[in-house]
Amino acid sequence: MQFGPEIVKSGEPTFFMVNMFDNNKDKQIRMRHVDCDFIIQRDGIELFKMSTKYGEPFFHSINGVMLPSFRFSEPGKYTISVEVAGQLFIPIRPVFANFSAVVSPTADGNLEIKLST
């Protein structure tokens, strides 16, 4: 997962890019037709779920890429989850990749975002 910018003004969007690959021994193969979601939580409260933006149970990515954005408005610890629930139009047991985001205030009043797995 990539994101940017690392320093934002409160309420301005942070952009994410999620590329989904299927690990096949020593190769990574880009997933196609993926039913997935991008979820941001803070203190166990869901703040953003990409699929609800479209009124669907999941976001369908034809090419295995998601491009969500989110506006962090205050410092804190956030959990970012990428959920995969289907591939090639076949439902699977949901698989999650979880990331921790720490949002800290900077000296000039902006917010700095640090992401880890």
N, C-alpha and C. Protein backbone atom coordinates (compact mmCIF):
# COMPACT_ATOMS: atom_id res chain seq x y z
N MET A 1 0.85 -1.17 0.00
CA MET A 1 0.00 0.00 0.00
C MET A 1 0.90 1.23 0.00
N GLN A 2 0.55 2.16 -0.82
CA GLN A 2 1.24 3.45 -0.88
C GLN A 2 0.27 4.54 -0.48
N PHE A 3 0.80 5.66 0.00
CA PHE A 3 -0.06 6.79 0.35
C PHE A 3 0.72 8.09 0.22
N GLY A 4 -0.03 9.16 0.17
CA GLY A 4 0.60 10.46 0.12
C GLY A 4 -0.46 11.55 0.16
N PRO A 5 -0.12 12.72 0.56
CA PRO A 5 1.18 13.10 1.11
C PRO A 5 1.33 12.62 2.55
N GLU A 6 2.56 12.62 3.05
CA GLU A 6 2.82 12.18 4.41
C GLU A 6 2.46 13.27 5.43
N ILE A 7 2.49 14.52 4.99
CA ILE A 7 2.10 15.64 5.85
C ILE A 7 0.96 16.37 5.17
N VAL A 8 -0.16 16.51 5.92
CA VAL A 8 -1.35 17.16 5.37
C VAL A 8 -1.89 18.18 6.37
N LYS A 9 -2.66 19.11 5.86
CA LYS A 9 -3.41 20.00 6.73
C LYS A 9 -4.64 19.23 7.19
N SER A 10 -5.06 19.48 8.41
CA SER A 10 -6.22 18.80 8.95
C SER A 10 -7.41 18.94 8.00
N GLY A 11 -8.04 17.82 7.67
CA GLY A 11 -9.21 17.83 6.79
C GLY A 11 -8.91 17.74 5.31
N GLU A 12 -7.63 17.81 4.93
CA GLU A 12 -7.28 17.64 3.52
C GLU A 12 -7.10 16.15 3.23
N PRO A 13 -7.37 15.72 2.01
CA PRO A 13 -7.33 14.28 1.73
C PRO A 13 -5.92 13.69 1.70
N THR A 14 -5.84 12.47 2.18
CA THR A 14 -4.67 11.61 1.99
C THR A 14 -5.10 10.56 0.98
N PHE A 15 -4.27 10.33 -0.01
CA PHE A 15 -4.60 9.40 -1.09
C PHE A 15 -3.84 8.10 -0.90
N PHE A 16 -4.54 7.00 -1.11
CA PHE A 16 -3.96 5.67 -0.96
C PHE A 16 -4.01 4.94 -2.30
N MET A 17 -3.07 4.03 -2.50
CA MET A 17 -3.10 3.13 -3.65
C MET A 17 -2.80 1.73 -3.13
N VAL A 18 -3.76 0.84 -3.34
CA VAL A 18 -3.62 -0.55 -2.91
C VAL A 18 -3.54 -1.42 -4.16
N ASN A 19 -2.44 -2.14 -4.29
CA ASN A 19 -2.26 -3.10 -5.38
C ASN A 19 -2.40 -4.50 -4.79
N MET A 20 -3.24 -5.32 -5.37
CA MET A 20 -3.48 -6.66 -4.83
C MET A 20 -2.85 -7.71 -5.73
N PHE A 21 -2.04 -8.57 -5.08
CA PHE A 21 -1.33 -9.63 -5.79
C PHE A 21 -1.61 -10.96 -5.11
N ASP A 22 -1.60 -12.01 -5.90
CA ASP A 22 -1.71 -13.38 -5.40
C ASP A 22 -0.31 -13.97 -5.43
N ASN A 23 0.20 -14.35 -4.27
CA ASN A 23 1.54 -14.94 -4.21
C ASN A 23 1.47 -16.39 -4.66
N ASN A 24 2.19 -16.70 -5.71
CA ASN A 24 2.22 -18.05 -6.25
C ASN A 24 3.67 -18.51 -6.28
N LYS A 25 4.09 -19.17 -5.21
CA LYS A 25 5.48 -19.62 -5.05
C LYS A 25 6.42 -18.43 -5.12
N ASP A 26 7.20 -18.31 -6.17
CA ASP A 26 8.16 -17.22 -6.26
C ASP A 26 7.67 -16.07 -7.14
N LYS A 27 6.41 -16.12 -7.57
CA LYS A 27 5.86 -15.06 -8.42
C LYS A 27 4.71 -14.35 -7.72
N GLN A 28 4.59 -13.08 -8.03
CA GLN A 28 3.42 -12.32 -7.60
C GLN A 28 2.58 -12.06 -8.85
N ILE A 29 1.34 -12.52 -8.82
CA ILE A 29 0.44 -12.34 -9.95
C ILE A 29 -0.64 -11.36 -9.55
N ARG A 30 -0.82 -10.31 -10.36
CA ARG A 30 -1.84 -9.31 -10.05
C ARG A 30 -3.22 -9.97 -10.05
N MET A 31 -3.98 -9.70 -9.00
CA MET A 31 -5.33 -10.23 -8.90
C MET A 31 -6.25 -9.46 -9.85
N ARG A 32 -7.21 -10.13 -10.42
CA ARG A 32 -8.20 -9.51 -11.31
C ARG A 32 -9.59 -9.76 -10.75
N HIS A 33 -10.49 -8.85 -11.04
CA HIS A 33 -11.88 -8.95 -10.61
C HIS A 33 -11.97 -9.32 -9.13
N VAL A 34 -11.53 -8.38 -8.30
CA VAL A 34 -11.45 -8.60 -6.85
C VAL A 34 -12.60 -7.86 -6.17
N ASP A 35 -13.35 -8.58 -5.34
CA ASP A 35 -14.33 -7.94 -4.46
C ASP A 35 -13.59 -7.63 -3.17
N CYS A 36 -13.50 -6.35 -2.84
CA CYS A 36 -12.62 -5.94 -1.76
C CYS A 36 -13.19 -4.72 -1.05
N ASP A 37 -12.50 -4.31 -0.01
CA ASP A 37 -12.89 -3.10 0.71
C ASP A 37 -11.68 -2.48 1.37
N PHE A 38 -11.80 -1.20 1.69
CA PHE A 38 -10.76 -0.42 2.34
C PHE A 38 -11.44 0.24 3.54
N ILE A 39 -10.98 -0.08 4.74
CA ILE A 39 -11.68 0.34 5.96
C ILE A 39 -10.71 1.06 6.88
N ILE A 40 -11.16 2.19 7.44
CA ILE A 40 -10.35 2.93 8.42
C ILE A 40 -11.14 3.02 9.71
N GLN A 41 -10.47 2.63 10.82
CA GLN A 41 -11.09 2.67 12.14
C GLN A 41 -10.20 3.42 13.11
N ARG A 42 -10.84 3.96 14.12
CA ARG A 42 -10.12 4.58 15.23
C ARG A 42 -10.85 4.21 16.51
N ASP A 43 -10.13 3.66 17.46
CA ASP A 43 -10.73 3.21 18.73
C ASP A 43 -11.90 2.26 18.49
N GLY A 44 -11.78 1.40 17.49
CA GLY A 44 -12.82 0.41 17.20
C GLY A 44 -14.05 0.96 16.48
N ILE A 45 -14.02 2.23 16.15
CA ILE A 45 -15.16 2.86 15.45
C ILE A 45 -14.81 3.03 13.99
N GLU A 46 -15.66 2.52 13.13
CA GLU A 46 -15.44 2.62 11.69
C GLU A 46 -15.69 4.06 11.23
N LEU A 47 -14.66 4.66 10.64
CA LEU A 47 -14.76 6.04 10.16
C LEU A 47 -14.97 6.10 8.65
N PHE A 48 -14.50 5.07 7.95
CA PHE A 48 -14.57 5.07 6.48
C PHE A 48 -14.61 3.63 6.00
N LYS A 49 -15.48 3.38 5.05
CA LYS A 49 -15.55 2.09 4.37
C LYS A 49 -15.83 2.38 2.90
N MET A 50 -14.88 2.06 2.05
CA MET A 50 -14.97 2.43 0.64
C MET A 50 -16.25 1.95 -0.02
N SER A 51 -16.68 0.73 0.29
CA SER A 51 -17.85 0.16 -0.38
C SER A 51 -19.12 0.96 -0.10
N THR A 52 -19.24 1.55 1.09
CA THR A 52 -20.46 2.30 1.40
C THR A 52 -20.56 3.56 0.55
N LYS A 53 -19.43 4.05 0.07
CA LYS A 53 -19.43 5.21 -0.82
C LYS A 53 -20.21 4.90 -2.10
N TYR A 54 -20.19 3.62 -2.49
CA TYR A 54 -20.86 3.19 -3.71
C TYR A 54 -22.16 2.45 -3.43
N GLY A 55 -22.53 2.31 -2.14
CA GLY A 55 -23.77 1.63 -1.79
C GLY A 55 -23.77 0.15 -2.09
N GLU A 56 -22.61 -0.46 -2.05
CA GLU A 56 -22.47 -1.88 -2.35
C GLU A 56 -21.83 -2.60 -1.17
N PRO A 57 -22.02 -3.94 -1.08
CA PRO A 57 -21.37 -4.66 0.02
C PRO A 57 -19.85 -4.70 -0.11
N PHE A 58 -19.34 -4.65 -1.36
CA PHE A 58 -17.89 -4.62 -1.60
C PHE A 58 -17.62 -3.73 -2.80
N PHE A 59 -16.38 -3.28 -2.90
CA PHE A 59 -15.90 -2.55 -4.07
C PHE A 59 -15.37 -3.60 -5.04
N HIS A 60 -15.74 -3.51 -6.31
CA HIS A 60 -15.25 -4.47 -7.30
C HIS A 60 -14.12 -3.81 -8.09
N SER A 61 -12.92 -4.38 -7.95
CA SER A 61 -11.76 -3.86 -8.67
C SER A 61 -11.45 -4.79 -9.85
N ILE A 62 -11.60 -4.27 -11.03
CA ILE A 62 -11.35 -5.07 -12.23
C ILE A 62 -9.87 -5.44 -12.34
N ASN A 63 -8.99 -4.49 -12.00
CA ASN A 63 -7.55 -4.70 -12.22
C ASN A 63 -6.74 -4.91 -10.95
N GLY A 64 -7.40 -5.15 -9.81
CA GLY A 64 -6.68 -5.40 -8.57
C GLY A 64 -6.06 -4.17 -7.94
N VAL A 65 -6.62 -2.99 -8.24
CA VAL A 65 -6.12 -1.73 -7.68
C VAL A 65 -7.28 -0.98 -7.04
N MET A 66 -7.05 -0.43 -5.84
CA MET A 66 -8.01 0.47 -5.20
C MET A 66 -7.33 1.81 -5.00
N LEU A 67 -8.08 2.89 -5.20
CA LEU A 67 -7.55 4.25 -5.04
C LEU A 67 -8.44 5.07 -4.11
N PRO A 68 -8.53 4.69 -2.83
CA PRO A 68 -9.36 5.46 -1.90
C PRO A 68 -8.64 6.71 -1.39
N SER A 69 -9.41 7.60 -0.81
CA SER A 69 -8.84 8.76 -0.12
C SER A 69 -9.60 8.95 1.19
N PHE A 70 -8.94 9.58 2.16
CA PHE A 70 -9.55 9.80 3.46
C PHE A 70 -9.00 11.10 4.02
N ARG A 71 -9.85 11.83 4.74
CA ARG A 71 -9.45 13.09 5.36
C ARG A 71 -9.23 12.89 6.86
N PHE A 72 -7.97 12.80 7.27
CA PHE A 72 -7.65 12.72 8.69
C PHE A 72 -7.85 14.11 9.28
N SER A 73 -8.59 14.20 10.38
CA SER A 73 -8.87 15.51 10.95
C SER A 73 -8.25 15.72 12.32
N GLU A 74 -7.77 14.62 12.93
CA GLU A 74 -7.16 14.78 14.25
C GLU A 74 -6.10 13.71 14.49
N PRO A 75 -5.14 14.01 15.37
CA PRO A 75 -4.09 13.04 15.69
C PRO A 75 -4.68 11.79 16.35
N GLY A 76 -3.93 10.70 16.27
CA GLY A 76 -4.35 9.47 16.93
C GLY A 76 -3.82 8.25 16.22
N LYS A 77 -4.22 7.08 16.74
CA LYS A 77 -3.85 5.81 16.14
C LYS A 77 -5.05 5.27 15.38
N TYR A 78 -4.81 4.94 14.13
CA TYR A 78 -5.86 4.44 13.24
C TYR A 78 -5.48 3.04 12.76
N THR A 79 -6.49 2.24 12.46
CA THR A 79 -6.28 0.93 11.85
C THR A 79 -6.84 0.99 10.44
N ILE A 80 -6.01 0.62 9.48
CA ILE A 80 -6.45 0.57 8.09
C ILE A 80 -6.46 -0.90 7.67
N SER A 81 -7.60 -1.36 7.18
CA SER A 81 -7.75 -2.76 6.77
C SER A 81 -8.12 -2.83 5.31
N VAL A 82 -7.46 -3.76 4.61
CA VAL A 82 -7.83 -4.08 3.23
C VAL A 82 -8.43 -5.48 3.29
N GLU A 83 -9.68 -5.59 2.85
CA GLU A 83 -10.38 -6.87 2.87
C GLU A 83 -10.56 -7.38 1.45
N VAL A 84 -10.27 -8.66 1.25
CA VAL A 84 -10.53 -9.32 -0.03
C VAL A 84 -11.56 -10.42 0.24
N ALA A 85 -12.71 -10.35 -0.46
CA ALA A 85 -13.81 -11.28 -0.20
C ALA A 85 -14.22 -12.08 -1.44
N GLY A 86 -13.55 -11.84 -2.55
CA GLY A 86 -13.88 -12.59 -3.75
C GLY A 86 -12.87 -12.30 -4.85
N GLN A 87 -12.70 -13.27 -5.73
CA GLN A 87 -11.82 -13.08 -6.88
C GLN A 87 -12.40 -13.83 -8.07
N LEU A 88 -12.33 -13.18 -9.23
CA LEU A 88 -12.86 -13.75 -10.47
C LEU A 88 -14.32 -14.16 -10.30
N PHE A 89 -15.09 -13.31 -9.59
CA PHE A 89 -16.53 -13.47 -9.39
C PHE A 89 -16.88 -14.65 -8.48
N ILE A 90 -15.90 -15.18 -7.75
CA ILE A 90 -16.12 -16.30 -6.84
C ILE A 90 -15.88 -15.82 -5.41
N PRO A 91 -16.88 -15.91 -4.53
CA PRO A 91 -16.66 -15.51 -3.14
C PRO A 91 -15.62 -16.42 -2.46
N ILE A 92 -14.84 -15.82 -1.58
CA ILE A 92 -13.86 -16.57 -0.79
C ILE A 92 -14.04 -16.19 0.68
N ARG A 93 -13.42 -16.96 1.55
CA ARG A 93 -13.41 -16.57 2.96
C ARG A 93 -12.62 -15.27 3.03
N PRO A 94 -13.19 -14.22 3.63
CA PRO A 94 -12.50 -12.93 3.65
C PRO A 94 -11.09 -13.00 4.23
N VAL A 95 -10.18 -12.31 3.56
CA VAL A 95 -8.79 -12.20 3.98
C VAL A 95 -8.52 -10.73 4.23
N PHE A 96 -7.83 -10.44 5.35
CA PHE A 96 -7.55 -9.05 5.72
C PHE A 96 -6.05 -8.79 5.77
N ALA A 97 -5.65 -7.61 5.33
CA ALA A 97 -4.31 -7.08 5.56
C ALA A 97 -4.51 -5.83 6.40
N ASN A 98 -3.91 -5.80 7.58
CA ASN A 98 -4.11 -4.68 8.50
C ASN A 98 -2.85 -3.85 8.63
N PHE A 99 -3.04 -2.55 8.69
CA PHE A 99 -1.96 -1.59 8.81
C PHE A 99 -2.27 -0.65 9.96
N SER A 100 -1.24 -0.16 10.62
CA SER A 100 -1.39 0.85 11.67
C SER A 100 -0.96 2.19 11.12
N ALA A 101 -1.77 3.19 11.36
CA ALA A 101 -1.42 4.55 10.96
C ALA A 101 -1.39 5.41 12.22
N VAL A 102 -0.27 6.08 12.42
CA VAL A 102 -0.16 7.02 13.54
C VAL A 102 -0.15 8.42 12.94
N VAL A 103 -1.11 9.21 13.37
CA VAL A 103 -1.24 10.58 12.88
C VAL A 103 -0.83 11.50 14.02
N SER A 104 0.22 12.30 13.78
CA SER A 104 0.78 13.16 14.83
C SER A 104 0.77 14.61 14.37
N PRO A 105 0.58 15.54 15.31
CA PRO A 105 0.64 16.96 14.95
C PRO A 105 2.08 17.38 14.69
N THR A 106 2.25 18.28 13.75
CA THR A 106 3.57 18.85 13.49
C THR A 106 3.65 20.23 14.14
N ALA A 107 4.86 20.78 14.20
CA ALA A 107 5.06 22.08 14.84
C ALA A 107 4.27 23.20 14.16
N ASP A 108 4.03 23.05 12.86
CA ASP A 108 3.32 24.11 12.13
C ASP A 108 1.81 23.87 12.06
N GLY A 109 1.30 22.91 12.85
CA GLY A 109 -0.14 22.68 12.91
C GLY A 109 -0.70 21.69 11.91
N ASN A 110 0.17 21.11 11.09
CA ASN A 110 -0.29 20.09 10.13
C ASN A 110 -0.32 18.73 10.81
N LEU A 111 -0.63 17.71 10.05
CA LEU A 111 -0.64 16.34 10.56
C LEU A 111 0.34 15.48 9.77
N GLU A 112 1.15 14.70 10.48
CA GLU A 112 2.09 13.79 9.85
C GLU A 112 1.55 12.37 10.00
N ILE A 113 1.57 11.60 8.91
CA ILE A 113 1.03 10.25 8.90
C ILE A 113 2.17 9.26 8.71
N LYS A 114 2.23 8.27 9.63
CA LYS A 114 3.22 7.20 9.52
C LYS A 114 2.46 5.88 9.50
N LEU A 115 2.80 5.06 8.52
CA LEU A 115 2.10 3.79 8.29
C LEU A 115 3.02 2.62 8.54
N SER A 116 2.51 1.59 9.20
CA SER A 116 3.30 0.37 9.41
C SER A 116 2.39 -0.84 9.35
N THR A 117 3.00 -2.02 9.16
CA THR A 117 2.21 -3.26 9.09
C THR A 117 2.18 -3.93 10.44
